[in-house]
Structures are given as C-alpha cells and as structure tokens.
Protein backbone atom coordinates (compact mmCIF):
# COMPACT_ATOMS: atom_id res chain seq x y z
CA MET A 1 -13.49 -30.73 4.53
CA LYS A 2 -9.69 -31.20 5.24
CA ARG A 3 -8.92 -28.32 2.72
CA VAL A 4 -11.27 -25.97 4.32
CA LEU A 5 -9.77 -26.72 7.81
CA VAL A 6 -6.29 -26.25 6.50
CA PHE A 7 -7.42 -22.78 5.05
CA ILE A 8 -9.03 -21.78 8.46
CA VAL A 9 -6.06 -22.75 10.41
CA LEU A 10 -3.81 -20.71 7.84
CA MET A 11 -6.17 -17.70 8.65
CA VAL A 12 -5.60 -18.14 12.29
CA VAL A 13 -1.75 -18.05 12.25
CA LEU A 14 -1.69 -14.84 9.99
CA SER A 15 0.27 -11.93 11.63
CA LEU A 16 -1.66 -9.89 14.23
CA ASN A 17 -0.58 -6.81 12.69
CA SER A 18 -3.77 -6.05 10.49
CA ALA A 19 -3.72 -3.55 7.84
CA GLU A 20 -6.28 -1.72 5.74
CA VAL A 21 -5.35 -2.06 2.00
CA PHE A 22 -6.70 0.18 -0.83
CA ILE A 23 -6.62 -0.93 -4.57
CA VAL A 24 -7.55 1.05 -7.54
CA ASN A 25 -9.53 -1.04 -9.95
CA SER A 26 -9.32 0.89 -13.09
CA SER A 27 -11.62 -1.25 -15.54
CA SER A 28 -14.25 -1.54 -12.90
CA GLU A 29 -13.70 2.07 -11.76
CA THR A 30 -13.90 1.16 -7.94
CA LEU A 31 -11.79 1.13 -4.90
CA SER A 32 -11.35 -2.05 -3.09
CA LYS A 33 -10.81 -1.99 0.67
CA VAL A 34 -9.11 -5.25 2.20
CA ASP A 35 -8.93 -5.65 6.05
CA THR A 36 -6.23 -8.21 6.40
CA GLU A 37 -7.22 -8.89 10.06
CA THR A 38 -10.90 -9.80 9.32
CA GLY A 39 -10.30 -11.03 5.77
CA LEU A 40 -13.20 -8.75 4.73
CA VAL A 41 -12.89 -7.38 1.02
CA VAL A 42 -15.20 -4.83 -0.31
CA ASN A 43 -14.59 -4.26 -3.93
CA ASN A 44 -17.01 -1.63 -4.34
CA PHE A 45 -15.90 0.47 -1.31
CA ALA A 46 -15.86 3.60 -3.54
CA THR A 47 -16.80 4.30 -7.03
CA LEU A 48 -13.92 6.01 -8.93
CA GLY A 49 -13.95 8.09 -12.13
CA LEU A 50 -12.89 7.19 -15.62
CA TYR A 51 -9.52 5.41 -15.97
CA ALA A 52 -8.59 5.77 -12.29
CA ASN A 53 -4.92 5.40 -12.19
CA ARG A 54 -3.15 5.85 -8.67
CA ILE A 55 -4.10 6.92 -5.23
CA VAL A 56 -2.35 8.47 -2.10
CA VAL A 57 -3.66 7.86 1.29
CA ASN A 58 -3.33 9.43 4.85
CA GLU A 59 -5.10 8.51 7.90
CA ASP A 60 -8.41 9.85 6.86
CA TYR A 61 -8.76 10.43 3.33
CA GLY A 62 -7.51 8.79 -0.04
CA TYR A 63 -6.89 11.03 -3.21
CA ALA A 64 -7.36 9.17 -6.44
CA VAL A 65 -6.43 10.57 -9.82
CA ASN A 66 -8.72 9.81 -12.78
CA SER A 67 -6.85 10.01 -16.01
CA GLY A 68 -10.00 9.96 -18.06
CA ASP A 69 -11.67 12.67 -16.13
CA ASN A 70 -8.63 14.64 -15.56
CA THR A 71 -9.66 14.98 -11.82
CA VAL A 72 -8.53 14.15 -8.31
CA GLN A 73 -11.15 12.39 -6.19
CA LYS A 74 -11.04 12.91 -2.39
CA ILE A 75 -12.47 9.91 -0.70
CA GLU A 76 -13.40 9.48 3.15
CA LEU A 77 -11.52 6.27 4.08
CA ASN A 78 -13.95 5.17 6.83
CA SER A 79 -17.29 5.42 4.62
CA GLY A 80 -15.89 5.38 1.15
CA VAL A 81 -17.87 8.74 0.43
CA THR A 82 -16.38 11.11 -2.13
CA THR A 83 -16.19 14.34 -0.26
CA ASP A 84 -14.71 16.66 -3.17
CA THR A 85 -13.67 16.62 -6.78
CA ILE A 86 -10.45 18.64 -7.83
CA VAL A 87 -10.77 19.45 -11.51
CA LEU A 88 -7.35 19.56 -13.30
CA GLU A 89 -6.29 20.84 -16.72
CA ALA A 90 -8.22 19.41 -19.66
CA GLY A 91 -6.24 16.59 -21.35
CA CYS A 92 -3.55 16.39 -18.78
CA ASN A 93 -4.06 12.71 -18.01
CA PRO A 94 -3.02 12.73 -14.58
CA TYR A 95 -0.73 9.85 -13.66
CA ASP A 96 0.34 10.12 -9.98
CA ILE A 97 -0.25 11.89 -7.00
CA THR A 98 2.02 12.38 -3.80
CA PHE A 99 2.41 14.59 -0.60
CA ASP A 100 4.85 14.86 2.04
CA GLU A 101 3.73 13.82 5.48
CA ASN A 102 5.90 16.63 6.96
CA PHE A 103 3.84 19.29 5.00
CA ASN A 104 1.67 20.64 7.83
CA ALA A 105 -0.52 17.66 7.98
CA TYR A 106 -0.68 17.16 4.33
CA ASN A 107 -1.49 20.63 3.08
CA TYR A 108 -0.20 20.12 -0.24
CA ALA A 109 -0.27 17.44 -2.93
CA PHE A 110 1.33 17.07 -6.33
CA VAL A 111 0.05 15.48 -9.35
CA SER A 112 1.86 14.59 -12.73
CA GLY A 113 0.37 15.53 -15.85
CA LEU A 114 1.49 12.65 -18.26
CA LEU A 115 0.29 14.37 -21.58
CA THR A 116 0.91 18.17 -20.83
CA ASN A 117 4.41 17.66 -19.47
CA LYS A 118 3.60 19.50 -16.19
CA VAL A 119 3.20 19.00 -12.49
CA TYR A 120 0.39 20.39 -10.70
CA LYS A 121 0.31 21.58 -6.96
CA ILE A 122 -2.86 21.38 -5.00
CA ASN A 123 -3.79 23.07 -1.82
CA LEU A 124 -5.58 20.37 0.13
CA ASP A 125 -7.16 22.99 2.61
CA ASP A 126 -9.42 24.34 0.03
CA ASN A 127 -8.93 21.79 -2.88
CA THR A 128 -7.70 24.06 -5.46
CA VAL A 129 -5.02 24.12 -8.03
CA VAL A 130 -2.39 26.54 -6.86
CA GLY A 131 0.40 26.12 -9.41
CA GLU A 132 1.70 24.30 -12.39
CA LEU A 133 5.37 23.82 -13.62
CA MET A 134 6.63 22.33 -16.93
CA VAL A 135 8.93 19.29 -16.43
CA GLY A 136 10.38 16.72 -18.65
CA ALA A 137 8.65 14.51 -21.34
CA GLY A 138 6.13 12.26 -19.84
CA PRO A 139 5.98 12.95 -16.00
CA ALA A 140 5.02 9.79 -14.25
CA GLY A 141 5.76 8.45 -10.50
CA MET A 142 6.71 11.23 -7.94
CA THR A 143 8.08 11.28 -4.40
CA VAL A 144 8.81 14.03 -1.83
CA SER A 145 12.06 13.52 0.27
CA ASN A 146 13.69 16.23 2.71
CA GLY A 147 11.76 19.16 1.02
CA LYS A 148 12.32 18.20 -2.61
CA LEU A 149 9.72 16.71 -5.13
CA TYR A 150 11.45 14.18 -7.40
CA VAL A 151 9.49 13.64 -10.65
CA ALA A 152 10.20 10.56 -12.98
CA CYS A 153 9.67 11.79 -16.47
CA SER A 154 9.37 8.59 -18.87
CA GLY A 155 10.75 10.46 -22.01
CA SER A 156 9.41 10.37 -25.49
CA TYR A 157 7.85 7.31 -27.46
CA PRO A 158 9.02 4.87 -28.57
CA ASP A 159 12.56 4.65 -27.22
CA TYR A 160 12.35 6.99 -24.24
CA THR A 161 15.81 7.81 -24.45
CA ASP A 162 15.31 11.26 -22.99
CA ALA A 163 14.18 10.07 -19.65
CA SER A 164 14.99 12.16 -16.75
CA VAL A 165 14.25 12.99 -13.14
CA VAL A 166 13.32 16.47 -12.46
CA VAL A 167 14.12 17.85 -8.84
CA ILE A 168 11.53 20.69 -7.59
CA GLU A 169 12.01 22.78 -4.39
CA ALA A 170 8.54 21.59 -2.95
CA THR A 171 7.70 24.73 -0.84
CA SER A 172 8.42 27.42 -3.44
CA PHE A 173 7.55 24.87 -6.46
CA GLU A 174 10.66 26.00 -8.39
CA LEU A 175 12.53 23.57 -10.58
CA GLU A 176 16.16 23.08 -9.42
CA ILE A 177 17.64 20.47 -11.90
CA THR A 178 16.85 18.00 -14.59
CA ILE A 179 18.99 14.62 -14.31
CA PRO A 180 19.22 12.24 -17.33
CA VAL A 181 18.39 8.58 -16.38
CA SER A 182 17.90 5.25 -17.97
CA ALA A 183 14.92 4.77 -20.55
CA ASN A 184 11.34 5.16 -19.50
CA ALA A 185 11.76 6.39 -15.74
CA GLN A 186 8.27 5.36 -14.35
CA TYR A 187 8.51 5.38 -10.60
CA VAL A 188 10.78 6.80 -7.90
CA THR A 189 11.07 6.39 -4.09
CA ALA A 190 13.50 7.40 -1.29
CA ILE A 191 15.36 4.57 0.36
CA ASN A 192 17.94 5.01 3.02
CA GLY A 193 18.64 8.48 2.09
CA MET A 194 19.12 7.91 -1.58
CA ILE A 195 16.39 8.35 -4.44
CA HIS A 196 15.90 5.17 -6.35
CA VAL A 197 14.58 5.61 -9.82
CA VAL A 198 12.72 2.71 -11.59
CA CYS A 199 13.49 2.93 -15.30
CA SER A 200 10.99 0.39 -17.06
CA SER A 201 12.89 0.03 -20.30
CA ALA A 202 11.23 0.40 -23.79
CA TRP A 203 8.07 -1.89 -24.39
CA GLY A 204 9.23 -5.40 -25.04
CA SER A 205 12.82 -4.93 -24.33
CA ASN A 206 12.76 -6.31 -20.92
CA THR A 207 16.05 -4.29 -19.85
CA GLY A 208 14.64 -2.68 -16.94
CA GLU A 209 17.08 -1.15 -14.22
CA ILE A 210 17.14 0.91 -11.11
CA ASN A 211 19.18 4.19 -11.16
CA ILE A 212 20.43 5.07 -7.70
CA LEU A 213 20.48 8.94 -7.23
CA ASP A 214 22.63 10.77 -4.58
CA PRO A 215 20.55 13.77 -3.55
CA ASP A 216 23.63 15.56 -2.23
CA THR A 217 25.45 15.49 -5.62
CA ASN A 218 22.22 15.03 -8.07
CA THR A 219 24.42 12.16 -9.77
CA ILE A 220 23.67 8.68 -10.61
CA THR A 221 25.90 6.63 -8.42
CA HIS A 222 24.88 2.96 -9.00
CA THR A 223 22.68 1.00 -11.69
CA VAL A 224 21.00 -2.22 -10.63
CA SER A 225 20.11 -4.35 -13.85
CA LEU A 226 16.95 -6.59 -13.03
CA GLY A 227 15.61 -6.90 -16.57
CA GLY A 228 11.73 -7.07 -17.12
CA TYR A 229 9.54 -4.05 -17.75
CA LEU A 230 9.76 -2.66 -14.47
CA GLY A 231 6.79 -1.34 -12.30
CA PRO A 232 6.17 0.01 -8.77
CA ILE A 233 8.61 -0.45 -6.04
CA TRP A 234 8.22 -1.32 -2.29
CA ASN A 235 11.00 -1.20 0.18
CA SER A 236 10.61 -4.06 2.92
CA SER A 237 11.95 -4.37 6.30
CA ASN A 238 13.41 -7.65 5.46
CA GLY A 239 16.31 -5.93 3.56
CA LYS A 240 14.78 -6.33 0.17
CA ALA A 241 13.37 -3.78 -2.18
CA TYR A 242 10.61 -5.53 -4.30
CA VAL A 243 9.90 -4.36 -7.87
CA ALA A 244 6.81 -5.33 -9.71
CA ASP A 245 6.67 -6.05 -13.35
CA GLY A 246 4.37 -3.73 -15.60
CA ASN A 247 3.69 -6.70 -17.86
CA ASN A 248 2.83 -8.97 -14.82
CA ALA A 249 5.66 -11.27 -16.04
CA GLY A 250 7.57 -11.55 -12.81
CA LEU A 251 8.52 -10.06 -9.38
CA TYR A 252 12.09 -8.75 -8.74
CA ALA A 253 14.07 -7.61 -5.73
CA TYR A 254 17.44 -6.11 -4.75
CA ASP A 255 19.31 -5.08 -1.74
CA PRO A 256 18.94 -1.36 -1.19
CA ALA A 257 22.06 -1.47 0.87
CA ASP A 258 24.69 -2.70 -1.49
CA TYR A 259 22.56 -2.72 -4.55
CA SER A 260 23.10 -6.36 -5.39
CA ALA A 261 20.23 -8.13 -7.27
CA ILE A 262 18.34 -10.75 -5.62
CA TYR A 263 15.36 -11.63 -8.14
CA THR A 264 15.66 -10.85 -11.62
CA PHE A 265 13.84 -11.32 -14.96
CA ASN A 266 15.72 -14.56 -15.28
CA ASN A 267 15.52 -15.73 -11.78
CA SER A 268 11.95 -14.35 -10.58
CA PHE A 269 10.24 -14.48 -7.43
CA SER A 270 7.78 -17.37 -7.25
CA THR A 271 4.66 -15.11 -7.73
CA ALA A 272 4.40 -12.53 -10.49
CA GLY A 273 2.78 -9.19 -9.84
CA SER A 274 2.40 -5.68 -11.54
CA LEU A 275 1.85 -4.07 -8.02
CA VAL A 276 3.54 -4.65 -4.72
CA SER A 277 3.30 -3.10 -1.30
CA GLY A 278 3.20 -4.33 2.28
CA THR A 279 3.72 -3.63 5.97
CA ASP A 280 6.22 -4.28 8.65
CA SER A 281 5.17 -8.20 8.62
CA GLU A 282 3.46 -8.78 5.16
CA LEU A 283 4.31 -8.55 1.70
CA PHE A 284 1.21 -7.82 -0.68
CA ILE A 285 1.68 -8.78 -4.54
CA VAL A 286 -1.10 -7.92 -6.80
CA ASP A 287 -1.53 -10.21 -9.96
CA SER A 288 -3.19 -7.99 -12.54
CA VAL A 289 -4.39 -8.44 -16.09
CA TRP A 290 -6.15 -6.10 -17.94
CA GLY A 291 -9.80 -7.06 -18.29
CA SER A 292 -9.72 -9.46 -15.57
CA ASN A 293 -10.25 -9.43 -11.77
CA GLY A 294 -7.05 -9.01 -9.86
CA VAL A 295 -5.56 -11.17 -7.11
CA MET A 296 -3.82 -9.88 -4.01
CA LYS A 297 -1.50 -12.58 -2.54
CA VAL A 298 -0.21 -11.91 0.88
CA PHE A 299 3.16 -13.41 2.15
CA ASN A 300 4.93 -13.04 5.32
CA LEU A 301 8.39 -11.29 5.22
CA ASN A 302 10.11 -14.74 5.12
CA GLU A 303 8.33 -14.96 1.67
CA GLU A 304 5.82 -17.77 2.82
CA PHE A 305 2.60 -17.70 1.31
CA GLN A 306 -0.53 -16.68 3.59
CA VAL A 307 -3.65 -15.97 1.75
CA GLU A 308 -5.08 -14.35 -1.19
CA TYR A 309 -8.10 -12.08 -2.04
CA THR A 310 -9.94 -11.46 -5.33
CA LEU A 311 -10.27 -7.82 -6.30
CA GLY A 312 -11.88 -5.57 -9.05
CA LEU A 313 -10.81 -5.46 -12.62
CA ALA A 314 -7.61 -4.57 -13.59
CA PRO A 315 -5.97 -3.04 -10.46
CA THR A 316 -3.51 -0.16 -11.17
CA ASP A 317 -2.33 0.80 -7.51
CA ILE A 318 -2.18 -0.42 -3.91
CA LYS A 319 -1.73 1.63 -0.87
CA VAL A 320 -1.66 0.59 2.86
CA ARG A 321 -3.54 3.05 5.18
CA PRO A 322 -1.25 4.48 7.80
CA SER A 323 -1.75 3.18 11.34
CA SER A 324 -4.06 5.67 13.52
CA THR A 325 -2.44 7.13 16.58
CA SER A 326 -5.88 7.38 18.47
CA ASN A 327 -5.99 6.07 21.83
CA GLU A 328 -8.34 3.04 20.51
CA ASP A 329 -5.55 1.70 18.32
CA VAL A 330 -2.67 2.10 20.73
CA VAL A 331 -1.40 -1.31 21.97
CA ASN A 332 0.65 -1.39 25.13
CA PRO A 333 3.33 -4.03 24.72
CA ASN A 334 4.11 -4.12 28.57
CA LEU A 335 0.57 -5.64 29.25
CA LYS A 336 0.72 -9.30 28.29
CA VAL A 337 -2.38 -10.91 27.37
CA ASP A 338 -3.09 -14.48 26.58
CA VAL A 339 -6.17 -15.94 25.11
CA TYR A 340 -6.15 -19.64 24.77
CA PRO A 341 -6.89 -22.50 23.84
CA ASN A 342 -6.56 -21.93 20.01
CA PRO A 343 -8.35 -23.68 18.54
CA PHE A 344 -11.12 -23.57 21.17
CA THR A 345 -14.28 -25.47 21.85
CA ASN A 346 -16.64 -24.35 24.44
CA LYS A 347 -14.49 -22.20 26.71
CA LEU A 348 -11.96 -19.41 26.48
CA THR A 349 -9.51 -18.19 29.00
CA VAL A 350 -8.21 -14.67 29.15
CA SER A 351 -5.02 -14.34 31.28
CA SER A 352 -3.55 -10.89 31.76
CA LYS A 353 -1.06 -9.11 34.05
CA SER A 354 -3.27 -5.87 34.40
CA LYS A 355 -3.67 -4.55 37.73
CA GLY A 356 -7.39 -3.81 37.01
CA SER A 357 -10.16 -5.30 34.74
CA VAL A 358 -9.78 -5.74 30.97
CA ASP A 359 -12.45 -5.87 28.29
CA PHE A 360 -12.68 -8.67 25.95
CA ALA A 361 -14.55 -8.49 22.62
CA CYS A 362 -14.99 -11.12 20.04
CA TYR A 363 -16.04 -10.45 16.38
CA ASP A 364 -17.14 -12.77 13.64
CA ILE A 365 -15.64 -12.89 10.09
CA ARG A 366 -18.00 -9.97 8.92
CA GLY A 367 -16.78 -7.77 11.77
CA ARG A 368 -20.26 -8.15 14.00
CA LYS A 369 -19.39 -8.22 17.74
CA VAL A 370 -20.62 -11.49 18.93
CA LEU A 371 -19.35 -11.88 22.39
CA VAL A 372 -18.16 -9.38 25.14
CA SER A 373 -16.79 -10.07 28.71
CA LYS A 374 -15.06 -8.25 31.45
CA ALA A 375 -12.09 -9.99 32.86
CA THR A 376 -11.52 -8.82 36.57
CA ASN A 377 -8.98 -11.55 37.69
CA SER A 378 -5.46 -12.43 36.24
CA LYS A 379 -7.44 -15.74 34.61
CA ASN A 380 -11.00 -15.55 33.59
CA THR A 381 -12.81 -18.41 31.80
CA ILE A 382 -15.41 -17.23 29.24
CA ASN A 383 -18.36 -19.76 27.90
CA THR A 384 -18.40 -19.85 24.18
CA ASN A 385 -21.19 -22.29 23.76
CA SER A 386 -23.40 -19.67 21.78
CA LEU A 387 -20.63 -19.42 18.97
CA PRO A 388 -20.87 -21.69 16.04
CA SER A 389 -17.74 -23.27 14.60
CA GLY A 390 -15.44 -20.69 12.70
CA VAL A 391 -12.97 -18.22 12.54
CA TYR A 392 -13.05 -15.09 15.14
CA PHE A 393 -11.31 -12.11 16.00
CA TYR A 394 -10.75 -10.67 19.37
CA LYS A 395 -9.79 -7.40 20.99
CA VAL A 396 -8.68 -6.85 24.54
CA SER A 397 -8.67 -3.32 26.03
CA GLU A 398 -7.84 -1.65 29.38
CA ASN A 399 -9.47 1.79 30.07
CA GLY A 400 -10.53 2.02 26.40
CA ASN A 401 -6.92 1.41 25.31
CA GLN A 402 -6.44 -1.64 23.11
CA ILE A 403 -3.68 -3.83 24.45
CA SER A 404 -4.07 -7.18 22.31
CA THR A 405 -5.79 -8.47 19.13
CA GLY A 406 -5.79 -11.62 17.46
CA LYS A 407 -7.55 -14.46 15.61
CA LEU A 408 -9.09 -17.53 16.99
CA LEU A 409 -10.59 -20.91 15.58
CA LYS A 410 -13.77 -22.65 17.03
CA ILE A 411 -13.95 -26.24 16.39
CA LYS A 412 -16.57 -28.95 17.54
C-alpha cells in the first residue's frame, strides 16, 4: 500500500504542462498515444502499415511512413482514423518524413527513400507525389531550416565512408550542394542556427559523433565525439542536446552552444534509450528492444525520474503533438487560481482573482468528467464526498478560456 501511495503522490507532483505523445510501434504495427496529464496510454490508437518507421505531426494530423508498404499514412490525431494513404515508388523503403512549419500551413512534405537514393516531395493539399530527386547513398533523416532541406545520407554498406549531407532548395526542389560528413549520417536537426548531423558510425564500432554544419559556408566547423551507435537527437531547453543510442546501449548529451560532451558512451546518462524527445518541462526516453514492448520513461529537466509508460512492440519513433492555439487551450497567466488542499479529503477550495465567475471541472484517471462547479466568489468550497479515493485532474476556465490545470489526490 505504501508503494502505491508513493506512486500516486509522484503522479500529483508531475509538471502541469501536459503533452500528447505519439510513438510508432513497428513490430505491432500500431501508433501509441500517451497523454502525460492524465497518464492515459492507448497503444492501439491507430493501426499502421507494414514496418512503420517514422512519423511527423502537426496540430491535426500525423504522417507515418511505412517502409514495407512504401506508403505515407495520414492519421487524424483526435480520432486515430486514417484519412488517406499516399503511395510511393515501389521498393523505395521510405525512412523519414519531414515538413516545414512555415510552408503555408504544411503544404509540402519530404520523404527519404532509403533504397532508391531519392527524396520525394509530396503535396499535402491533394496528397500526391509531385517530385523526386536523386541524392546520396542511403538517404535517412531530414530537416528543413530557413527554406533549405537537409538530408542525411548514410552512405554505402559496410563502412559508410561515403556519407554526406545533401542541401536542397525546398521550394524549387533543386539540389544545391553535397557535403561529406563522418560515417553513417542518420539524423539531422537545426539548433541555434547551425545544422547538427548525427553520424552513427559503422555497426559495432561505437565511434559515433556529431558534425556541426555551418549553413552559411556549408562547411563542418566542429565535431563532437560521443561514442556509441548514435540515434535520434533532441535539443532541450535545459542547455543539453540529448542523443539516443541505436543499439539501446546508452543515452548521451552535449552542450549545443560550445559543443562540449556531457554524457558519452563511457559515461552515459542513467537510463538508456533508442529514442528521445520532450517538452519545455519534460524529457522522454524510450527504451526499445526489437520484439519486446517499449517503455517510455519521463524525467523532468533536472533529470529526475517521474513516471514510465508501457508501449507497443519495438518503438521506432516518438513525436510530441504541437500545442493547439485554440481558445480552449490558452492559459491566461495573469489570472492566478489556487485549488487546495492537495491531497484533499471531502472538500476543495477554488480561489481565484477573476472579477467574474470561473468554471471548475474535475476528471478521473480515464478522462471522464466527474465533478463540475461554478465559482462565483474569490474563494469557493466544493463538496467532494461523492468522489472515491484516487488521482484526479482539474481544469478551471473563464468565459470558455482555460486559465489553470492540475492534478489532485483524494485520500480518506
């Protein structure tokens, strides 16, 4: 009982900044949806195609690439319904997909064809392939920055010494330059105006490193040696860029400002992971072993463990849904609201500085609304006798605009 109570208290003190996290489970061919506010995990949120690899998301849709089916699958993120399937060239083995948030509300997406050495351009208005371009050997991860598409080309098996980054003018879809990089370039991202290229090294060599590319001169200016077989990268607001390990053998980090190593293959972070992502307040590490259920572990940005979730089989990608800008999700920081005590027993007090009334809604762990109240004074007491013991989540709104959210614990 004591362990259960400790876990519940831990849930209560988690960050109030919730996130919807989507994880591609390649072996089970499913998309997991994790709501970090409610703790609800749906591991069959959507059915994916054969050998689903990676996904990109905006506020409304996710676009998953299925390497076995050679397709892009468009998924509505509120329902999990597949609304369209875009067929690519046979045998291209799509590896990654990306788009630019500034491209007229996601008008175009780009897909790397690992086995055809091509990149495909997709018109998202009518879901058609509108262009293809030969690039380097084994195109893998991609990113768009300042109107340029950067493609990490892994190179040729077995040593990958012909790895490169190909720079493409995104609008015209014309190749500008090919830049040699370290062996087995797998992932690429833009940080602080520079392009960070994750070079995994040849299988088993554990000599992975990060190449820093200056987009103004198209030259490699720094190399960060981390070791390991490097995987996806995520830049955190805590001053660290985290890098997963493709063999799930560690988790590494470096300072993206001065390029100094923080965690390396010989001095890894406490938890290993093959995928990494996060939010402004949380770090998500996915422990993935082929053929087994994955586990997503959540840390705060002080690197303190919070909670973990069980996922589907063999996760291969993780993405956080961008926050909605609708009125329902806007929080007004000037309207301070306190809900107390926490933990509570039979009463809750809602205290606000609002000049009018506020609406209080309480939800159970399954997301069901179990209690509502309108607070018309600066302090209002709510009877909670009808609620059983457990974890709850609340939302306080004024005139339809959300002004506060949080977690609560009821005890006897």
